[in-house]
Protein backbone atom coordinates (compact mmCIF):
# COMPACT_ATOMS: atom_id res chain seq x y z
CA MET A 1 147.20 100.81 105.35
CA ASN A 2 150.91 101.20 104.60
CA ASP A 3 154.06 99.09 104.80
CA THR A 4 154.77 100.27 108.33
CA ASP A 5 151.34 99.06 109.48
CA ILE A 6 151.97 95.61 107.97
CA ASP A 7 155.53 95.35 109.24
CA ALA A 8 154.53 96.23 112.79
CA ARG A 9 151.75 93.64 112.85
CA LEU A 10 153.91 90.99 111.20
CA GLU A 11 156.57 91.43 113.87
CA ALA A 12 153.96 91.35 116.61
CA ALA A 13 152.17 88.30 115.20
CA THR A 14 155.46 86.39 115.04
CA ARG A 15 156.45 87.36 118.57
CA ILE A 16 153.02 86.62 120.02
CA ALA A 17 152.74 83.28 118.22
CA LYS A 18 156.08 82.15 119.68
CA THR A 19 155.01 83.11 123.21
CA ALA A 20 151.63 81.44 122.72
CA GLY A 21 153.36 78.34 121.38
CA GLU A 22 155.47 78.09 124.52
CA LEU A 23 152.37 78.31 126.70
CA ALA A 24 150.54 75.73 124.57
CA LEU A 25 153.52 73.37 124.71
CA GLY A 26 153.49 73.54 128.50
CA TYR A 27 149.86 72.51 128.52
CA PHE A 28 150.59 69.77 125.96
CA LEU A 29 153.28 68.24 128.16
CA ALA A 30 150.80 68.19 131.07
CA ARG A 31 147.71 67.36 129.01
CA ASP A 32 146.60 64.53 131.33
CA GLN A 33 145.74 67.25 133.86
CA LEU A 34 143.66 69.41 131.52
CA ALA A 35 139.96 70.14 132.03
CA ILE A 36 138.18 69.24 128.79
CA THR A 37 134.67 70.01 127.56
CA HIS A 38 132.80 69.12 124.37
CA LYS A 39 131.34 71.79 122.09
CA ALA A 40 129.95 69.01 119.88
CA ALA A 41 130.75 65.42 118.99
CA GLN A 42 134.46 65.14 118.18
CA ASP A 43 134.84 68.88 118.88
CA ARG A 44 136.65 69.17 122.16
CA VAL A 45 138.04 72.28 123.85
CA SER A 46 140.36 72.44 126.84
CA GLU A 47 141.47 75.07 129.29
CA ALA A 48 144.65 75.26 127.18
CA ASP A 49 142.72 76.58 124.15
CA ARG A 50 141.07 79.29 126.23
CA ALA A 51 144.21 80.31 128.11
CA VAL A 52 146.32 80.53 124.95
CA GLU A 53 143.69 82.60 123.15
CA THR A 54 143.47 84.95 126.14
CA LEU A 55 147.23 85.44 126.04
CA ILE A 56 147.11 86.20 122.31
CA ARG A 57 144.20 88.62 122.63
CA ASP A 58 145.75 90.51 125.53
CA ALA A 59 149.07 90.84 123.69
CA ILE A 60 147.43 92.10 120.48
CA LEU A 61 145.28 94.67 122.23
CA ALA A 62 148.28 95.91 124.23
CA ASP A 63 150.02 96.80 120.96
CA PHE A 64 147.06 97.56 118.72
CA PRO A 65 144.05 98.55 120.86
CA GLU A 66 142.03 99.76 117.85
CA ASP A 67 142.27 96.48 115.90
CA ALA A 68 139.38 94.00 115.77
CA LEU A 69 139.71 90.37 116.91
CA MET A 70 138.10 87.10 115.90
CA GLY A 71 138.99 83.94 117.81
CA GLU A 72 137.70 80.40 117.87
CA GLU A 73 137.14 80.29 121.62
CA HIS A 74 136.28 83.85 122.70
CA GLY A 75 134.36 85.22 119.72
CA ASP A 76 134.65 88.66 118.14
CA THR A 77 135.82 92.03 119.41
CA THR A 78 135.06 95.08 117.28
CA GLY A 79 137.73 97.62 116.42
CA ARG A 80 138.19 101.05 114.87
CA SER A 81 141.09 100.31 112.52
CA ALA A 82 141.18 98.50 109.17
CA PHE A 83 142.78 95.40 110.71
CA LEU A 84 141.13 92.19 111.91
CA TRP A 85 143.17 89.52 113.73
CA VAL A 86 141.90 85.98 113.15
CA ILE A 87 143.09 83.58 115.85
CA ASP A 88 143.11 79.86 116.45
CA PRO A 89 144.96 79.30 119.74
CA ILE A 90 145.40 75.56 119.17
CA ASP A 91 144.49 74.35 115.71
CA GLY A 92 144.35 70.57 115.90
CA THR A 93 142.92 70.25 119.40
CA THR A 94 142.16 66.56 118.88
CA PRO A 95 145.77 65.69 117.96
CA PHE A 96 146.90 67.96 120.82
CA LEU A 97 144.78 66.12 123.38
CA SER A 98 145.74 62.76 121.87
CA GLY A 99 149.46 63.39 122.33
CA LEU A 100 150.22 63.83 118.63
CA ALA A 101 152.51 66.49 117.20
CA ASP A 102 150.15 67.88 114.54
CA TRP A 103 148.84 71.01 116.21
CA CYS A 104 149.82 74.67 116.07
CA VAL A 105 149.06 78.25 117.01
CA SER A 106 147.62 80.13 114.02
CA ILE A 107 147.41 83.92 113.81
CA ALA A 108 146.31 85.86 110.73
CA VAL A 109 145.64 89.52 110.07
CA ALA A 110 143.01 90.52 107.51
CA VAL A 111 142.09 93.78 105.78
CA ALA A 112 138.68 94.14 104.13
CA GLY A 113 138.07 90.44 104.73
CA GLU A 114 141.26 89.31 102.97
CA PRO A 115 144.19 87.80 104.89
CA VAL A 116 147.42 89.79 104.49
CA ILE A 117 149.56 88.29 107.29
CA GLY A 118 149.85 84.69 108.43
CA VAL A 119 151.96 83.21 111.22
CA ILE A 120 151.83 79.59 112.34
CA GLU A 121 153.84 78.31 115.29
CA ALA A 122 154.18 74.51 115.50
CA PRO A 123 156.09 73.82 118.73
CA ARG A 124 156.29 70.02 118.46
CA HIS A 125 157.72 70.32 114.95
CA ARG A 126 159.94 73.26 115.98
CA GLU A 127 158.72 75.21 112.98
CA THR A 128 157.71 78.85 112.61
CA TRP A 129 155.80 79.71 109.44
CA ILE A 130 155.63 83.38 108.43
CA ALA A 131 154.03 85.12 105.46
CA ALA A 132 152.79 88.55 104.45
CA ARG A 133 151.26 89.76 101.21
CA GLY A 134 153.99 90.84 98.81
CA ARG A 135 156.75 89.79 101.22
CA GLY A 136 156.93 86.05 100.55
CA ALA A 137 156.57 83.12 102.92
CA THR A 138 159.09 81.14 104.95
CA VAL A 139 159.39 78.27 107.40
CA ASN A 140 162.28 78.68 109.84
CA GLY A 141 163.67 81.28 107.47
CA VAL A 142 163.59 79.05 104.37
CA LYS A 143 161.57 80.45 101.46
CA LEU A 144 158.41 78.54 100.53
CA ARG A 145 157.69 77.73 96.91
CA VAL A 146 155.25 75.28 95.35
CA ASP A 147 156.32 73.13 92.40
CA PRO A 148 154.49 74.59 89.38
CA GLU A 149 154.68 71.21 87.66
CA ALA A 150 153.22 69.18 90.55
CA ASP A 151 150.04 67.29 89.74
CA LEU A 152 147.92 64.73 91.57
CA THR A 153 150.44 61.97 90.91
CA SER A 154 153.37 63.98 92.27
CA GLY A 155 152.70 63.57 95.99
CA MET A 156 150.09 63.54 98.73
CA PHE A 157 146.83 65.49 98.71
CA ALA A 158 145.20 66.38 102.03
CA PHE A 159 141.51 66.22 102.87
CA GLY A 160 139.39 67.61 105.69
CA GLY A 161 137.60 65.11 107.86
CA SER A 162 135.56 66.92 110.49
CA LEU A 163 131.97 65.99 111.29
CA ARG A 164 130.88 69.35 109.79
CA CYS A 165 131.50 67.75 106.40
CA ASP A 166 129.15 65.37 104.64
CA ALA A 167 130.70 61.91 104.99
CA ALA A 168 129.56 60.74 101.58
CA GLU A 169 130.97 63.85 99.87
CA THR A 170 134.32 63.52 101.65
CA GLY A 171 134.42 59.81 100.90
CA GLY A 172 133.58 60.47 97.27
CA PHE A 173 136.40 62.96 96.97
CA ILE A 174 138.91 60.56 98.52
CA THR A 175 137.77 57.81 96.15
CA ARG A 176 138.17 60.04 93.10
CA LEU A 177 141.51 61.28 94.41
CA MET A 178 142.92 57.79 94.83
CA GLN A 179 141.55 56.70 91.46
CA SER A 180 143.55 59.59 89.99
CA GLY A 181 146.76 58.05 91.32
CA CYS A 182 147.15 60.30 94.37
CA ILE A 183 147.76 59.41 98.03
CA ALA A 184 145.23 60.87 100.49
CA PHE A 185 146.56 62.56 103.64
CA HIS A 186 145.06 63.94 106.85
CA ASN A 187 146.68 65.08 110.10
CA GLY A 188 143.91 66.90 112.01
CA SER A 189 145.18 70.48 111.59
CA GLY A 190 143.76 72.57 108.76
CA ALA A 191 146.31 75.32 109.38
CA LEU A 192 149.27 72.96 109.06
CA MET A 193 147.88 71.18 106.01
CA THR A 194 147.39 74.52 104.27
CA ALA A 195 150.94 75.55 105.18
CA TYR A 196 152.25 72.21 103.92
CA VAL A 197 150.75 73.00 100.51
CA ALA A 198 152.77 76.23 100.46
CA ALA A 199 155.92 74.28 101.32
CA GLY A 200 155.33 71.68 98.62
CA ARG A 201 155.02 68.93 101.21
CA LEU A 202 151.49 68.37 99.92
CA VAL A 203 150.35 68.97 96.35
CA GLY A 204 146.98 70.19 97.59
CA TYR A 205 144.29 70.24 100.25
CA TYR A 206 140.49 70.07 100.06
CA ASP A 207 138.09 70.58 102.95
CA ALA A 208 134.33 70.65 102.39
CA HIS A 209 133.98 72.97 105.39
CA ILE A 210 136.61 74.82 107.36
CA ASN A 211 136.55 77.98 109.47
CA ALA A 212 138.50 81.14 108.76
CA TRP A 213 140.65 80.81 111.88
CA ASP A 214 141.77 77.37 110.67
CA CYS A 215 143.07 78.52 107.29
CA PHE A 216 143.50 82.30 106.97
CA ALA A 217 147.19 82.22 107.97
CA GLY A 218 147.89 79.37 105.58
CA LEU A 219 146.10 81.09 102.71
CA VAL A 220 148.64 83.91 102.77
CA MET A 221 151.43 81.32 102.63
CA VAL A 222 149.93 79.48 99.68
CA ALA A 223 149.49 82.69 97.69
CA GLU A 224 152.99 83.93 98.47
CA ALA A 225 154.48 80.55 97.56
CA GLY A 226 152.90 80.60 94.10
CA GLY A 227 150.00 78.28 94.84
CA VAL A 228 146.29 78.73 94.20
CA ALA A 229 143.53 78.70 96.82
CA THR A 230 139.82 79.40 97.13
CA PHE A 231 137.90 79.58 100.38
CA GLY A 232 134.23 80.08 101.15
CA GLY A 233 131.93 82.83 100.00
CA ALA A 234 130.87 86.31 101.05
CA ASP A 235 130.09 85.16 104.61
CA ARG A 236 133.20 83.02 105.08
CA LEU A 237 134.41 84.92 108.13
CA GLN A 238 131.19 84.17 109.99
CA ARG A 239 130.28 80.77 108.59
CA GLY A 240 133.43 79.29 107.08
CA GLY A 241 133.13 77.29 103.88
CA PRO A 242 134.89 74.95 101.47
CA LEU A 243 138.63 75.25 100.96
CA LEU A 244 140.67 74.10 97.99
CA ALA A 245 144.38 74.86 97.79
CA GLY A 246 147.21 73.46 95.76
CA ALA A 247 150.03 73.81 93.32
CA PRO A 248 148.51 75.24 90.11
CA ARG A 249 148.23 72.00 88.12
CA ALA A 250 147.13 69.94 91.12
CA PHE A 251 144.56 72.61 92.03
CA THR A 252 143.03 72.51 88.56
CA ALA A 253 142.82 68.71 88.59
CA ALA A 254 141.34 68.66 92.10
CA ARG A 255 138.75 71.28 91.13
CA THR A 256 137.49 68.87 88.50
CA LEU A 257 137.18 66.14 91.15
CA VAL A 258 135.28 68.45 93.51
CA ASP A 259 132.96 69.68 90.77
CA GLY A 260 132.17 66.07 89.91
CA LEU A 261 130.81 65.38 93.40
CA GLY A 262 127.57 67.27 92.81
């Protein structure tokens, strides 16, 4: 892996995410006509998710046929290079189908299981988030930087709320968070909430269980913006896991809250 390899994939990820965002926005504006199925309770998928992921996959393989792919809707494709693309065609499907703005296209590239590129396209917010290891992170060209002095009383702290999480554990975390003087926040998109940590819009984010395609792009942004993040274990690509991200001081305080849930 060299700088040229990263630069080429960063350019492609940005271009593909923008094209995918345009397709997703078209479906969003005509969402009353979408065919929708349920993978599980409160876990819906539409023809938009599948069509957008197909577009992304086809575009990646046209440029990088030896790279591996992992997507939420169409599973895994093996490759012969060192690069793995981790795709969520529409992160925040429930907000998307509900007519809310908090959804995005999330594309990450990983090497040896670690994300090195992250691009998030949020069409309804008109924001393009871009990051690569060692190259910084931006939103619409503006550099991202967390506030190193931010703590739990400095702003809002996001939480995950899917039915994959234990309700009592999530509720316990929110209780402890609010008792610490912090405002709890949730918008339905793990990718956007992770990116918002990198931008300093949120002081942190905790999710008891999230999948790699929901957060890998944002993890690059948090790291490049000077934040701290932990996600899952050795099998996190296959099974997902807990995510904790934040400005350094807020992260440390939130880790104490999470550890106290056991």
